[in-house]
Amino acid sequence: MFNSIIISLSPIFLLFLILQNSDSAKQCYSGQNKRYVQKQCSSGSLDIDYVCHKYSCEEGRSPFVLRTCAPKSAVQCNAGSRICLFSKGKGKCHVCDKDFCND
């Protein structure tokens, strides 16, 4: 009886693992403007969920697009928004949780 309970719970546990890991990016684009590359977000040593950021700063003294990955718990597009504010631009932050979703 115990084995049948374990067997019946296995698909549920597997589904839980899939759903648990599906809302986190493992790889994002990283760089500025048209110079960006693929980057692995985690070194694998810590169990941190990551998201991809794409920050677009328009107008102002120096428009730019900044792409990076960051911990899900971090302030969204913090660096990009500060630079954009300093250059008197208007910024937009896009945050997503799939691999390479910040293109």
N, C-alpha and C. Protein backbone atom coordinates (compact mmCIF):
# COMPACT_ATOMS: atom_id res chain seq x y z
N MET A 1 0.81 -1.19 0.00
CA MET A 1 0.00 0.00 0.00
C MET A 1 0.86 1.26 0.00
N PHE A 2 1.92 1.27 0.79
CA PHE A 2 2.82 2.42 0.85
C PHE A 2 3.44 2.71 -0.51
N ASN A 3 3.86 1.64 -1.23
CA ASN A 3 4.44 1.83 -2.56
C ASN A 3 3.45 2.44 -3.54
N SER A 4 2.19 2.04 -3.47
CA SER A 4 1.19 2.60 -4.38
C SER A 4 0.94 4.08 -4.10
N ILE A 5 1.06 4.49 -2.85
CA ILE A 5 0.92 5.92 -2.52
C ILE A 5 2.08 6.70 -3.10
N ILE A 6 3.28 6.17 -2.97
CA ILE A 6 4.46 6.84 -3.52
C ILE A 6 4.36 6.93 -5.04
N ILE A 7 3.95 5.86 -5.68
CA ILE A 7 3.83 5.86 -7.14
C ILE A 7 2.77 6.86 -7.59
N SER A 8 1.66 6.94 -6.87
CA SER A 8 0.61 7.88 -7.27
C SER A 8 1.01 9.33 -6.99
N LEU A 9 1.88 9.58 -6.03
CA LEU A 9 2.33 10.93 -5.74
C LEU A 9 3.48 11.38 -6.64
N SER A 10 4.17 10.45 -7.27
CA SER A 10 5.32 10.80 -8.10
C SER A 10 4.98 11.77 -9.22
N PRO A 11 3.91 11.56 -10.00
CA PRO A 11 3.58 12.54 -11.05
C PRO A 11 3.24 13.92 -10.47
N ILE A 12 2.60 13.94 -9.32
CA ILE A 12 2.27 15.22 -8.69
C ILE A 12 3.55 15.93 -8.26
N PHE A 13 4.47 15.20 -7.67
CA PHE A 13 5.74 15.78 -7.26
C PHE A 13 6.53 16.29 -8.47
N LEU A 14 6.53 15.53 -9.55
CA LEU A 14 7.22 15.95 -10.77
C LEU A 14 6.60 17.22 -11.33
N LEU A 15 5.29 17.30 -11.35
CA LEU A 15 4.60 18.50 -11.82
C LEU A 15 4.96 19.69 -10.93
N PHE A 16 5.02 19.48 -9.63
CA PHE A 16 5.40 20.54 -8.71
C PHE A 16 6.80 21.05 -9.02
N LEU A 17 7.74 20.16 -9.27
CA LEU A 17 9.10 20.57 -9.59
C LEU A 17 9.15 21.37 -10.89
N ILE A 18 8.40 20.94 -11.88
CA ILE A 18 8.38 21.65 -13.16
C ILE A 18 7.80 23.05 -12.97
N LEU A 19 6.69 23.15 -12.25
CA LEU A 19 6.07 24.46 -12.03
C LEU A 19 6.93 25.34 -11.15
N GLN A 20 7.60 24.75 -10.19
CA GLN A 20 8.46 25.50 -9.29
C GLN A 20 9.59 26.18 -10.07
N ASN A 21 10.15 25.51 -11.07
CA ASN A 21 11.29 26.04 -11.80
C ASN A 21 10.91 26.75 -13.09
N SER A 22 9.63 26.84 -13.41
CA SER A 22 9.24 27.41 -14.69
C SER A 22 9.14 28.93 -14.66
N ASP A 23 9.12 29.55 -13.49
CA ASP A 23 8.97 30.99 -13.44
C ASP A 23 10.28 31.69 -13.08
N SER A 24 11.35 31.17 -13.61
CA SER A 24 12.67 31.73 -13.34
C SER A 24 13.53 31.59 -14.59
N ALA A 25 14.24 32.65 -14.92
CA ALA A 25 15.12 32.62 -16.09
C ALA A 25 16.47 32.02 -15.68
N LYS A 26 17.01 31.17 -16.51
CA LYS A 26 18.34 30.61 -16.29
C LYS A 26 19.40 31.39 -17.08
N GLN A 27 18.97 31.94 -18.25
CA GLN A 27 19.89 32.67 -19.12
C GLN A 27 19.17 33.89 -19.68
N CYS A 28 19.90 34.99 -19.78
CA CYS A 28 19.35 36.24 -20.32
C CYS A 28 20.39 36.86 -21.25
N TYR A 29 19.94 37.86 -21.99
CA TYR A 29 20.89 38.68 -22.73
C TYR A 29 21.44 39.73 -21.78
N SER A 30 22.71 40.07 -21.98
CA SER A 30 23.36 41.05 -21.12
C SER A 30 24.22 41.98 -21.97
N GLY A 31 24.07 43.28 -21.76
CA GLY A 31 24.87 44.25 -22.50
C GLY A 31 24.10 45.53 -22.73
N GLN A 32 24.70 46.40 -23.55
CA GLN A 32 24.12 47.71 -23.80
C GLN A 32 23.89 47.92 -25.28
N ASN A 33 22.77 48.57 -25.61
CA ASN A 33 22.38 48.90 -26.98
C ASN A 33 22.39 47.66 -27.85
N LYS A 34 23.13 47.67 -28.96
CA LYS A 34 23.15 46.51 -29.85
C LYS A 34 24.29 45.54 -29.52
N ARG A 35 25.07 45.86 -28.49
CA ARG A 35 26.18 45.00 -28.07
C ARG A 35 25.77 44.19 -26.84
N TYR A 36 25.10 43.07 -27.08
CA TYR A 36 24.71 42.22 -25.96
C TYR A 36 24.95 40.76 -26.33
N VAL A 37 25.19 39.96 -25.31
CA VAL A 37 25.52 38.55 -25.48
C VAL A 37 24.66 37.71 -24.54
N GLN A 38 24.65 36.41 -24.81
CA GLN A 38 23.95 35.48 -23.92
C GLN A 38 24.75 35.32 -22.63
N LYS A 39 24.05 35.27 -21.52
CA LYS A 39 24.72 35.16 -20.22
C LYS A 39 23.95 34.19 -19.34
N GLN A 40 24.68 33.31 -18.68
CA GLN A 40 24.08 32.43 -17.67
C GLN A 40 23.91 33.25 -16.40
N CYS A 41 22.72 33.24 -15.84
CA CYS A 41 22.43 34.10 -14.68
C CYS A 41 23.08 33.60 -13.39
N SER A 42 23.11 32.31 -13.19
CA SER A 42 23.60 31.77 -11.93
C SER A 42 24.83 30.90 -12.15
N SER A 43 25.70 30.90 -11.17
CA SER A 43 26.85 30.00 -11.22
C SER A 43 26.47 28.61 -10.75
N GLY A 44 25.25 28.48 -10.23
CA GLY A 44 24.77 27.17 -9.78
C GLY A 44 25.02 26.89 -8.31
N SER A 45 25.76 27.74 -7.64
CA SER A 45 26.09 27.47 -6.24
C SER A 45 24.97 27.89 -5.28
N LEU A 46 24.15 28.85 -5.67
CA LEU A 46 23.06 29.30 -4.82
C LEU A 46 21.73 29.05 -5.50
N ASP A 47 20.71 28.79 -4.71
CA ASP A 47 19.37 28.54 -5.25
C ASP A 47 18.58 29.85 -5.27
N ILE A 48 18.86 30.68 -6.28
CA ILE A 48 18.21 31.99 -6.41
C ILE A 48 17.43 32.01 -7.71
N ASP A 49 16.21 32.55 -7.68
CA ASP A 49 15.43 32.72 -8.89
C ASP A 49 15.83 34.02 -9.57
N TYR A 50 16.01 33.96 -10.88
CA TYR A 50 16.43 35.12 -11.66
C TYR A 50 15.35 35.53 -12.65
N VAL A 51 15.38 36.80 -13.03
CA VAL A 51 14.54 37.33 -14.09
C VAL A 51 15.43 38.12 -15.04
N CYS A 52 14.96 38.31 -16.26
CA CYS A 52 15.68 39.11 -17.25
C CYS A 52 15.11 40.53 -17.24
N HIS A 53 15.99 41.51 -17.36
CA HIS A 53 15.59 42.91 -17.42
C HIS A 53 15.97 43.50 -18.77
N LYS A 54 15.13 44.36 -19.30
CA LYS A 54 15.46 45.18 -20.46
C LYS A 54 14.99 46.59 -20.13
N TYR A 55 15.93 47.50 -20.02
CA TYR A 55 15.60 48.88 -19.68
C TYR A 55 15.90 49.76 -20.88
N SER A 56 14.91 50.50 -21.33
CA SER A 56 15.06 51.41 -22.47
C SER A 56 14.94 52.84 -21.97
N CYS A 57 15.96 53.64 -22.25
CA CYS A 57 15.96 55.06 -21.90
C CYS A 57 15.90 55.85 -23.20
N GLU A 58 14.84 56.63 -23.37
CA GLU A 58 14.65 57.41 -24.59
C GLU A 58 14.78 58.89 -24.27
N GLU A 59 15.09 59.65 -25.31
CA GLU A 59 15.28 61.09 -25.20
C GLU A 59 16.47 61.36 -24.28
N GLY A 60 16.49 62.47 -23.59
CA GLY A 60 17.59 62.78 -22.69
C GLY A 60 18.90 63.00 -23.44
N ARG A 61 19.99 63.08 -22.70
CA ARG A 61 21.30 63.35 -23.29
C ARG A 61 21.91 62.14 -23.98
N SER A 62 21.62 60.94 -23.51
CA SER A 62 22.21 59.76 -24.13
C SER A 62 21.26 58.56 -24.03
N PRO A 63 20.40 58.39 -25.03
CA PRO A 63 19.48 57.24 -25.03
C PRO A 63 20.25 55.92 -25.05
N PHE A 64 19.69 54.90 -24.41
CA PHE A 64 20.35 53.60 -24.38
C PHE A 64 19.34 52.50 -24.08
N VAL A 65 19.77 51.26 -24.33
CA VAL A 65 19.02 50.07 -23.93
C VAL A 65 19.99 49.21 -23.13
N LEU A 66 19.56 48.78 -21.96
CA LEU A 66 20.40 47.98 -21.07
C LEU A 66 19.70 46.65 -20.81
N ARG A 67 20.42 45.55 -21.05
CA ARG A 67 19.87 44.21 -20.81
C ARG A 67 20.74 43.51 -19.76
N THR A 68 20.07 42.78 -18.86
CA THR A 68 20.81 42.05 -17.83
C THR A 68 19.90 41.03 -17.15
N CYS A 69 20.49 40.17 -16.34
CA CYS A 69 19.68 39.31 -15.48
C CYS A 69 19.94 39.73 -14.03
N ALA A 70 18.94 39.52 -13.20
CA ALA A 70 19.04 39.94 -11.81
C ALA A 70 18.20 39.00 -10.95
N PRO A 71 18.54 38.92 -9.67
CA PRO A 71 17.69 38.12 -8.77
C PRO A 71 16.26 38.64 -8.79
N LYS A 72 15.32 37.73 -8.72
CA LYS A 72 13.90 38.10 -8.76
C LYS A 72 13.56 39.07 -7.63
N SER A 73 14.25 38.96 -6.52
CA SER A 73 13.95 39.80 -5.36
C SER A 73 14.57 41.20 -5.46
N ALA A 74 15.42 41.45 -6.46
CA ALA A 74 16.11 42.74 -6.58
C ALA A 74 15.15 43.82 -7.08
N VAL A 75 15.53 45.06 -6.86
CA VAL A 75 14.78 46.20 -7.39
C VAL A 75 14.85 46.14 -8.91
N GLN A 76 13.72 46.28 -9.57
CA GLN A 76 13.66 46.12 -11.02
C GLN A 76 14.36 47.28 -11.74
N CYS A 77 15.30 46.93 -12.61
CA CYS A 77 16.00 47.88 -13.48
C CYS A 77 16.60 49.05 -12.71
N ASN A 78 17.11 48.80 -11.54
CA ASN A 78 17.62 49.86 -10.68
C ASN A 78 18.74 50.67 -11.32
N ALA A 79 19.75 50.02 -11.86
CA ALA A 79 20.89 50.73 -12.45
C ALA A 79 20.45 51.55 -13.67
N GLY A 80 19.67 50.93 -14.55
CA GLY A 80 19.22 51.63 -15.76
C GLY A 80 18.39 52.86 -15.44
N SER A 81 17.50 52.75 -14.47
CA SER A 81 16.64 53.88 -14.15
C SER A 81 17.43 55.04 -13.56
N ARG A 82 18.45 54.75 -12.78
CA ARG A 82 19.28 55.83 -12.21
C ARG A 82 20.08 56.55 -13.29
N ILE A 83 20.65 55.80 -14.21
CA ILE A 83 21.42 56.42 -15.30
C ILE A 83 20.51 57.26 -16.17
N CYS A 84 19.33 56.74 -16.48
CA CYS A 84 18.38 57.45 -17.33
C CYS A 84 17.91 58.74 -16.64
N LEU A 85 17.63 58.67 -15.37
CA LEU A 85 17.21 59.85 -14.61
C LEU A 85 18.31 60.91 -14.64
N PHE A 86 19.55 60.50 -14.48
CA PHE A 86 20.69 61.42 -14.50
C PHE A 86 20.82 62.11 -15.85
N SER A 87 20.52 61.38 -16.95
CA SER A 87 20.64 61.98 -18.29
C SER A 87 19.35 62.65 -18.75
N LYS A 88 18.38 62.76 -17.84
CA LYS A 88 17.10 63.43 -18.09
C LYS A 88 16.30 62.78 -19.21
N GLY A 89 16.35 61.44 -19.26
CA GLY A 89 15.59 60.69 -20.25
C GLY A 89 14.30 60.12 -19.66
N LYS A 90 13.55 59.44 -20.51
CA LYS A 90 12.32 58.76 -20.09
C LYS A 90 12.55 57.27 -20.25
N GLY A 91 12.39 56.52 -19.17
CA GLY A 91 12.72 55.11 -19.19
C GLY A 91 11.54 54.18 -19.08
N LYS A 92 11.75 52.96 -19.60
CA LYS A 92 10.77 51.88 -19.49
C LYS A 92 11.52 50.62 -19.08
N CYS A 93 10.97 49.90 -18.12
CA CYS A 93 11.57 48.67 -17.63
C CYS A 93 10.69 47.48 -17.99
N HIS A 94 11.28 46.49 -18.64
CA HIS A 94 10.57 45.25 -18.97
C HIS A 94 11.26 44.13 -18.20
N VAL A 95 10.48 43.38 -17.41
CA VAL A 95 11.00 42.26 -16.63
C VAL A 95 10.25 41.01 -17.06
N CYS A 96 11.00 39.93 -17.31
CA CYS A 96 10.38 38.67 -17.75
C CYS A 96 11.12 37.49 -17.12
N ASP A 97 10.48 36.33 -17.11
CA ASP A 97 11.04 35.18 -16.38
C ASP A 97 11.30 33.96 -17.25
N LYS A 98 11.46 34.14 -18.54
CA LYS A 98 11.80 33.04 -19.45
C LYS A 98 13.21 33.27 -19.99
N ASP A 99 13.88 32.21 -20.41
CA ASP A 99 15.23 32.34 -20.96
C ASP A 99 15.23 33.23 -22.19
N PHE A 100 16.16 34.16 -22.24
CA PHE A 100 16.40 35.07 -23.36
C PHE A 100 15.16 35.87 -23.76
N CYS A 101 14.33 36.22 -22.80
CA CYS A 101 13.10 36.96 -23.10
C CYS A 101 13.33 38.47 -23.17
N ASN A 102 14.55 38.93 -22.93
CA ASN A 102 14.83 40.36 -22.94
C ASN A 102 15.57 40.80 -24.20
N ASP A 103 15.19 40.23 -25.35
CA ASP A 103 15.85 40.62 -26.61
C ASP A 103 15.27 41.89 -27.19
